[in-house]
């Protein structure tokens, strides 16, 4: 156990869950509050500046993804001095709980969001759904949602068979259909991999005039983790806070994937599936010139060996074609060719 007092700089790695929750509460209550929302949710607020980042996270995700085993938003509190309201869940609940509804009702009634100059909602997966759905509590907010589900109501998304245990959960009452809840947002950004069919189908339901879709092709089903590995998630959210996030700035940010192993491996698999030999060779040469990558080295050697073996065949065929063309031209120009009859 780590000795108290805890601060936002304290690493909470290795603490048992109950002690971890107590440490989180101790830090939050110095400059904000920490409240239990029923049995499965917590509201954790740390106040710093007039910029508020509202994050939706799972307890297990915080403890696994953060190097200090803290809420993701606390990294941004330290690095940018923003305020952070973290709504945490015990497992994937999609934050569909009357206690969470009541929390946002109280915040709206108290004018909580009106105290901030800029409000950004953020979440990924089930938390991305929540970021979009609850953003309606702060009109004019910006929203960044990674792989969000629009709803799990089987009457609308019966084609999504990934979350069958949530089929009986109410997605039709308050804060229910996430795309509709974005109508009050200043701007919203939905990140997804169009190669992941079900994520792309949910993204299509978010088509709205104030929604920009940011595609992360060949990045798979864990985009938040990939952005953390790319060290670009903080930058993405800072662009949203500055009001400069758009398709162009994201494209510039996303160029870092060109040196990201997971992306390069997925791209190789896609090219192999399409049998794009020449592009595979270009990719292997690109990767091998920049980093040690045994798989790409082997692939490049294999392709180059096959091309070298086929070269004599191609050359012989080329020679045969050239000889046939020469014979045809010689015959056409022969003095023995028949003289056409004049009419």
Foldseek 3Di string as FASTA:
>chain_A
DDDDDAELPAQPAPPPPVVSVVNQQNHQVVAHGWADQPDWKIKGKHAFALEEEEEEEELVCLQPVDPSSHPPVSVCCVVPVHIYIYMYGHPQPLCQDVSSVVVLVVCLVVCVNVSHPAYEYEYEESRLLVSQLSCLSRQAYEYEYELYAQALACVVPVVDPPCVVCNPRDQPDHSRGRLVSNPRYQAYEYEDAVVPPSSVVRVVVNDDPRYDYAHDHLPDDCVVSVCVVLVCPSVQVVCSRVVNDDRVVVVVSSVSCLQPVSSLVSVLVVCVVVVVLVVLLVSLVSNVVPDDDVVSVVSNVVSVVVCVVCVVVVVVVVVVVVVVVVVVVCVVPDPPPDDDDDD
